[in-house]
């Protein structure tokens, strides 16, 4: 059974940092593109950051310079380091895998999803 499980969410003040982790199991993910998406209340799910199976990096404009995505294929994990957090970063963050390697970074292109981790940034 393929699973993606996020951890590391929580409440943080504006300007603070959090690190999200995603543990993957059930298959090999080293040949999959991995991404983080987020969904704020009442809004659609949107791309945040992605790392290809060759470790090429992609970021949504509003998080560039603040967020860093990384992966550890030996541990089947992907992480998102979030610095200088803002109240507008408040959302449920989802880990996702694109094992067809489309590198198109939209929700419909992802094959597997985690259940999400809530990040709340207070002002």
N, C-alpha and C. Protein backbone atom coordinates (compact mmCIF):
# COMPACT_ATOMS: atom_id res chain seq x y z
N UNK A 1 0.85 -1.19 0.00
CA UNK A 1 0.00 0.00 0.00
C UNK A 1 0.88 1.25 0.00
N UNK A 2 0.69 2.10 -1.00
CA UNK A 2 1.48 3.31 -1.11
C UNK A 2 0.95 4.34 -0.12
N UNK A 3 1.87 4.92 0.65
CA UNK A 3 1.49 5.95 1.61
C UNK A 3 2.47 7.09 1.61
N UNK A 4 1.95 8.29 1.75
CA UNK A 4 2.75 9.49 2.01
C UNK A 4 2.21 10.07 3.32
N UNK A 5 3.10 10.27 4.28
CA UNK A 5 2.67 10.75 5.60
C UNK A 5 3.46 11.99 5.96
N UNK A 6 2.75 13.10 6.11
CA UNK A 6 3.38 14.37 6.47
C UNK A 6 3.50 14.51 7.98
N UNK A 7 4.53 15.24 8.41
CA UNK A 7 4.69 15.58 9.82
C UNK A 7 5.40 16.93 9.91
N UNK A 8 5.30 17.55 11.09
CA UNK A 8 6.02 18.79 11.34
C UNK A 8 5.19 20.05 11.29
N UNK A 9 3.90 19.92 11.02
CA UNK A 9 3.06 21.11 11.02
C UNK A 9 2.85 21.64 12.43
N UNK A 10 2.24 22.82 12.51
CA UNK A 10 1.98 23.40 13.82
C UNK A 10 1.71 24.88 13.75
N UNK A 11 1.76 25.50 14.92
CA UNK A 11 1.50 26.94 15.05
C UNK A 11 2.83 27.66 15.26
N UNK A 12 3.03 28.72 14.50
CA UNK A 12 4.27 29.50 14.61
C UNK A 12 3.94 30.97 14.42
N UNK A 13 4.72 31.83 15.03
CA UNK A 13 4.53 33.27 14.85
C UNK A 13 5.13 33.72 13.52
N UNK A 14 4.61 34.80 13.00
CA UNK A 14 5.16 35.36 11.78
C UNK A 14 6.66 35.62 11.95
N UNK A 15 7.42 35.28 10.92
CA UNK A 15 8.87 35.40 10.97
C UNK A 15 9.57 34.15 11.43
N UNK A 16 8.81 33.21 11.94
CA UNK A 16 9.38 31.96 12.44
C UNK A 16 9.60 30.93 11.35
N UNK A 17 10.01 29.73 11.78
CA UNK A 17 10.35 28.66 10.85
C UNK A 17 9.66 27.36 11.25
N UNK A 18 9.40 26.54 10.26
CA UNK A 18 8.92 25.17 10.47
C UNK A 18 9.55 24.29 9.41
N UNK A 19 9.67 23.01 9.74
CA UNK A 19 10.17 22.04 8.77
C UNK A 19 9.15 20.92 8.63
N UNK A 20 8.64 20.75 7.44
CA UNK A 20 7.72 19.65 7.15
C UNK A 20 8.50 18.49 6.57
N UNK A 21 8.10 17.29 6.97
CA UNK A 21 8.69 16.08 6.41
C UNK A 21 7.60 15.19 5.85
N UNK A 22 7.96 14.42 4.84
CA UNK A 22 7.03 13.48 4.22
C UNK A 22 7.74 12.14 4.10
N UNK A 23 7.17 11.14 4.75
CA UNK A 23 7.71 9.79 4.69
C UNK A 23 6.90 8.98 3.69
N UNK A 24 7.59 8.42 2.72
CA UNK A 24 6.93 7.65 1.67
C UNK A 24 7.18 6.16 1.87
N UNK A 25 6.18 5.37 1.57
CA UNK A 25 6.33 3.92 1.71
C UNK A 25 5.45 3.22 0.69
N UNK A 26 5.73 1.96 0.48
CA UNK A 26 4.90 1.15 -0.39
C UNK A 26 5.45 0.97 -1.79
N UNK A 27 6.41 1.78 -2.16
CA UNK A 27 7.07 1.66 -3.46
C UNK A 27 8.31 2.53 -3.42
N UNK A 28 9.12 2.40 -4.46
CA UNK A 28 10.31 3.24 -4.58
C UNK A 28 9.90 4.59 -5.17
N UNK A 29 10.31 5.67 -4.49
CA UNK A 29 9.99 7.00 -4.95
C UNK A 29 11.19 7.73 -5.54
N UNK A 30 12.33 7.08 -5.59
CA UNK A 30 13.54 7.74 -6.08
C UNK A 30 13.41 8.13 -7.55
N UNK A 31 12.52 7.47 -8.29
CA UNK A 31 12.33 7.81 -9.70
C UNK A 31 11.05 8.61 -9.93
N UNK A 32 10.52 9.22 -8.85
CA UNK A 32 9.33 10.06 -8.92
C UNK A 32 9.70 11.51 -8.65
N UNK A 33 8.97 12.42 -9.29
CA UNK A 33 9.04 13.82 -8.89
C UNK A 33 8.19 13.98 -7.63
N UNK A 34 8.69 14.77 -6.68
CA UNK A 34 8.00 14.95 -5.41
C UNK A 34 7.67 16.43 -5.21
N UNK A 35 6.50 16.71 -4.67
CA UNK A 35 6.11 18.11 -4.52
C UNK A 35 5.36 18.38 -3.23
N UNK A 36 5.29 19.63 -2.90
CA UNK A 36 4.47 20.12 -1.80
C UNK A 36 3.43 21.09 -2.38
N UNK A 37 2.21 20.90 -1.94
CA UNK A 37 1.10 21.77 -2.31
C UNK A 37 0.47 22.29 -1.02
N UNK A 38 -0.31 23.34 -1.12
CA UNK A 38 -1.02 23.83 0.06
C UNK A 38 -2.42 24.29 -0.32
N UNK A 39 -3.28 24.21 0.68
CA UNK A 39 -4.67 24.61 0.48
C UNK A 39 -5.13 25.41 1.68
N UNK A 40 -5.41 26.68 1.44
CA UNK A 40 -5.93 27.55 2.48
C UNK A 40 -7.45 27.38 2.56
N UNK A 41 -8.08 27.72 3.69
CA UNK A 41 -9.53 27.56 3.83
C UNK A 41 -10.30 28.27 2.73
N UNK A 42 -11.18 27.55 2.07
CA UNK A 42 -12.01 28.13 1.03
C UNK A 42 -11.32 28.36 -0.29
N UNK A 43 -10.08 27.88 -0.41
CA UNK A 43 -9.34 28.10 -1.65
C UNK A 43 -8.91 26.78 -2.26
N UNK A 44 -8.50 26.82 -3.51
CA UNK A 44 -8.08 25.60 -4.18
C UNK A 44 -6.65 25.23 -3.81
N UNK A 45 -6.33 23.99 -4.01
CA UNK A 45 -4.99 23.48 -3.71
C UNK A 45 -4.00 24.01 -4.75
N UNK A 46 -2.85 24.49 -4.26
CA UNK A 46 -1.88 25.11 -5.16
C UNK A 46 -0.47 24.58 -4.93
N UNK A 47 0.31 24.60 -5.97
CA UNK A 47 1.71 24.17 -5.92
C UNK A 47 2.54 25.12 -5.07
N UNK A 48 3.46 24.56 -4.28
CA UNK A 48 4.37 25.34 -3.45
C UNK A 48 5.82 25.11 -3.89
N UNK A 49 6.24 23.85 -3.92
CA UNK A 49 7.62 23.53 -4.26
C UNK A 49 7.69 22.11 -4.80
N UNK A 50 8.66 21.89 -5.69
CA UNK A 50 8.83 20.56 -6.26
C UNK A 50 10.29 20.23 -6.48
N UNK A 51 10.58 18.93 -6.42
CA UNK A 51 11.93 18.45 -6.70
C UNK A 51 11.81 17.23 -7.60
N UNK A 52 12.49 17.28 -8.74
CA UNK A 52 12.39 16.17 -9.68
C UNK A 52 13.24 14.99 -9.22
N UNK A 53 13.10 13.88 -9.92
CA UNK A 53 13.88 12.69 -9.55
C UNK A 53 15.38 12.93 -9.78
N UNK A 54 15.71 13.96 -10.60
CA UNK A 54 17.10 14.36 -10.81
C UNK A 54 17.52 15.51 -9.91
N UNK A 55 16.63 15.87 -8.95
CA UNK A 55 16.87 16.92 -7.97
C UNK A 55 16.85 18.33 -8.53
N UNK A 56 16.17 18.53 -9.63
CA UNK A 56 15.92 19.88 -10.12
C UNK A 56 14.81 20.48 -9.27
N UNK A 57 14.96 21.77 -8.93
CA UNK A 57 14.06 22.41 -7.98
C UNK A 57 13.12 23.41 -8.67
N UNK A 58 11.90 23.47 -8.13
CA UNK A 58 10.90 24.41 -8.63
C UNK A 58 10.19 25.02 -7.42
N UNK A 59 9.90 26.33 -7.49
CA UNK A 59 9.20 27.01 -6.40
C UNK A 59 8.14 27.95 -6.95
N UNK A 60 7.06 28.06 -6.21
CA UNK A 60 6.05 29.08 -6.48
C UNK A 60 6.67 30.43 -6.10
N UNK A 61 6.33 31.46 -6.83
CA UNK A 61 7.02 32.75 -6.68
C UNK A 61 6.98 33.29 -5.25
N UNK A 62 5.86 33.14 -4.56
CA UNK A 62 5.73 33.77 -3.24
C UNK A 62 6.59 33.10 -2.16
N UNK A 63 7.14 31.92 -2.43
CA UNK A 63 7.96 31.24 -1.42
C UNK A 63 9.43 31.20 -1.78
N UNK A 64 9.78 31.69 -2.96
CA UNK A 64 11.19 31.69 -3.37
C UNK A 64 12.03 32.49 -2.38
N UNK A 65 13.16 31.92 -1.99
CA UNK A 65 14.03 32.59 -1.04
C UNK A 65 13.66 32.33 0.41
N UNK A 66 12.48 31.76 0.66
CA UNK A 66 12.04 31.48 2.03
C UNK A 66 11.90 29.98 2.28
N UNK A 67 11.46 29.24 1.29
CA UNK A 67 11.25 27.79 1.44
C UNK A 67 12.32 27.03 0.67
N UNK A 68 12.68 25.87 1.20
CA UNK A 68 13.65 25.00 0.53
C UNK A 68 13.14 23.56 0.57
N UNK A 69 13.03 22.96 -0.59
CA UNK A 69 12.62 21.56 -0.68
C UNK A 69 13.87 20.70 -0.86
N UNK A 70 13.84 19.51 -0.26
CA UNK A 70 14.95 18.57 -0.39
C UNK A 70 14.41 17.15 -0.31
N UNK A 71 15.23 16.20 -0.73
CA UNK A 71 14.81 14.81 -0.67
C UNK A 71 15.98 13.94 -0.25
N UNK A 72 15.66 12.82 0.38
CA UNK A 72 16.64 11.82 0.77
C UNK A 72 16.13 10.49 0.24
N UNK A 73 16.63 10.08 -0.90
CA UNK A 73 16.12 8.86 -1.54
C UNK A 73 16.43 7.61 -0.72
N UNK A 74 17.52 7.62 0.02
CA UNK A 74 17.87 6.46 0.84
C UNK A 74 16.83 6.24 1.94
N UNK A 75 16.24 7.34 2.42
CA UNK A 75 15.24 7.25 3.49
C UNK A 75 13.82 7.36 2.95
N UNK A 76 13.68 7.57 1.65
CA UNK A 76 12.35 7.75 1.04
C UNK A 76 11.58 8.90 1.68
N UNK A 77 12.28 10.01 1.87
CA UNK A 77 11.65 11.17 2.49
C UNK A 77 11.87 12.42 1.64
N UNK A 78 10.96 13.36 1.80
CA UNK A 78 11.10 14.68 1.19
C UNK A 78 10.73 15.70 2.25
N UNK A 79 11.44 16.80 2.29
CA UNK A 79 11.24 17.81 3.33
C UNK A 79 11.01 19.19 2.74
N UNK A 80 10.39 20.03 3.53
CA UNK A 80 10.19 21.42 3.14
C UNK A 80 10.56 22.29 4.33
N UNK A 81 11.68 22.99 4.22
CA UNK A 81 12.10 23.94 5.23
C UNK A 81 11.47 25.28 4.93
N UNK A 82 10.71 25.80 5.89
CA UNK A 82 9.98 27.05 5.68
C UNK A 82 10.49 28.10 6.66
N UNK A 83 11.08 29.15 6.14
CA UNK A 83 11.61 30.24 6.94
C UNK A 83 10.84 31.52 6.66
N UNK A 84 11.00 32.49 7.54
CA UNK A 84 10.35 33.81 7.38
C UNK A 84 8.87 33.64 7.07
N UNK A 85 8.21 32.82 7.84
CA UNK A 85 6.80 32.51 7.58
C UNK A 85 5.91 33.74 7.76
N UNK A 86 4.88 33.80 6.94
CA UNK A 86 3.93 34.90 6.94
C UNK A 86 2.53 34.36 7.22
N UNK A 87 1.64 35.18 7.74
CA UNK A 87 0.26 34.70 7.97
C UNK A 87 -0.38 34.13 6.70
N UNK A 88 -0.04 34.65 5.56
CA UNK A 88 -0.62 34.14 4.30
C UNK A 88 -0.10 32.76 3.91
N UNK A 89 0.89 32.26 4.64
CA UNK A 89 1.36 30.88 4.43
C UNK A 89 0.49 29.86 5.17
N UNK A 90 -0.45 30.35 5.96
CA UNK A 90 -1.34 29.45 6.69
C UNK A 90 -2.16 28.61 5.74
N UNK A 91 -2.07 27.28 5.91
CA UNK A 91 -2.76 26.36 5.01
C UNK A 91 -2.51 24.93 5.49
N UNK A 92 -3.22 24.01 4.89
CA UNK A 92 -2.88 22.60 5.01
C UNK A 92 -1.88 22.29 3.90
N UNK A 93 -0.76 21.71 4.28
CA UNK A 93 0.30 21.39 3.33
C UNK A 93 0.27 19.90 3.01
N UNK A 94 0.30 19.59 1.72
CA UNK A 94 0.22 18.21 1.24
C UNK A 94 1.50 17.81 0.51
N UNK A 95 1.98 16.64 0.82
CA UNK A 95 3.06 16.01 0.08
C UNK A 95 2.44 15.21 -1.07
N UNK A 96 3.09 15.23 -2.23
CA UNK A 96 2.55 14.51 -3.37
C UNK A 96 3.68 13.95 -4.23
N UNK A 97 3.35 12.90 -4.97
CA UNK A 97 4.34 12.25 -5.84
C UNK A 97 3.79 12.13 -7.26
N UNK A 98 4.63 12.48 -8.21
CA UNK A 98 4.31 12.32 -9.63
C UNK A 98 5.26 11.27 -10.19
N UNK A 99 4.79 10.05 -10.26
CA UNK A 99 5.67 8.96 -10.69
C UNK A 99 5.61 8.74 -12.21
N UNK A 100 4.82 9.53 -12.88
CA UNK A 100 4.87 9.53 -14.35
C UNK A 100 5.86 10.57 -14.84
N UNK A 101 6.37 11.37 -13.89
CA UNK A 101 7.42 12.36 -14.15
C UNK A 101 7.00 13.34 -15.25
N UNK A 102 5.85 13.96 -15.03
CA UNK A 102 5.39 14.95 -15.99
C UNK A 102 6.04 16.31 -15.75
N UNK A 103 6.48 16.56 -14.49
CA UNK A 103 7.07 17.85 -14.09
C UNK A 103 6.15 19.01 -14.43
N UNK A 104 4.85 18.79 -14.30
CA UNK A 104 3.90 19.84 -14.64
C UNK A 104 3.35 20.54 -13.40
N UNK A 105 3.56 19.99 -12.24
CA UNK A 105 3.32 20.64 -10.96
C UNK A 105 1.92 21.24 -10.80
N UNK A 106 0.92 20.50 -11.17
CA UNK A 106 -0.43 20.89 -10.79
C UNK A 106 -1.12 19.67 -10.18
N UNK A 107 -2.15 19.88 -9.34
CA UNK A 107 -2.71 18.76 -8.59
C UNK A 107 -3.09 17.55 -9.45
N UNK A 108 -3.63 17.81 -10.64
CA UNK A 108 -4.08 16.70 -11.48
C UNK A 108 -2.96 15.84 -12.03
N UNK A 109 -1.72 16.31 -11.94
CA UNK A 109 -0.59 15.54 -12.46
C UNK A 109 0.04 14.64 -11.42
N UNK A 110 -0.42 14.73 -10.18
CA UNK A 110 0.19 13.95 -9.10
C UNK A 110 -0.53 12.61 -8.94
N UNK A 111 0.24 11.56 -8.66
CA UNK A 111 -0.31 10.22 -8.56
C UNK A 111 -0.67 9.82 -7.14
N UNK A 112 0.07 10.33 -6.17
CA UNK A 112 -0.14 9.96 -4.78
C UNK A 112 -0.16 11.22 -3.92
N UNK A 113 -0.95 11.16 -2.85
CA UNK A 113 -1.08 12.30 -1.93
C UNK A 113 -1.02 11.84 -0.48
N UNK A 114 -0.45 12.70 0.35
CA UNK A 114 -0.60 12.51 1.79
C UNK A 114 -1.90 13.14 2.26
N UNK A 115 -2.17 13.00 3.55
CA UNK A 115 -3.41 13.53 4.10
C UNK A 115 -3.30 14.99 4.53
N UNK A 116 -2.09 15.48 4.59
CA UNK A 116 -1.89 16.89 4.88
C UNK A 116 -1.45 17.19 6.29
N UNK A 117 -0.79 18.33 6.45
CA UNK A 117 -0.35 18.82 7.75
C UNK A 117 -0.71 20.30 7.84
N UNK A 118 -1.33 20.68 8.95
CA UNK A 118 -1.78 22.06 9.11
C UNK A 118 -0.63 22.94 9.60
N UNK A 119 -0.43 24.04 8.88
CA UNK A 119 0.52 25.06 9.28
C UNK A 119 -0.26 26.34 9.53
N UNK A 120 -0.12 26.89 10.74
CA UNK A 120 -0.81 28.12 11.09
C UNK A 120 0.24 29.15 11.49
N UNK A 121 0.22 30.29 10.83
CA UNK A 121 1.17 31.36 11.12
C UNK A 121 0.39 32.54 11.70
N UNK A 122 0.69 32.88 12.94
CA UNK A 122 -0.02 33.97 13.60
C UNK A 122 0.73 35.29 13.39
N UNK A 123 -0.03 36.37 13.35
CA UNK A 123 0.57 37.68 13.10
C UNK A 123 0.95 38.36 14.40
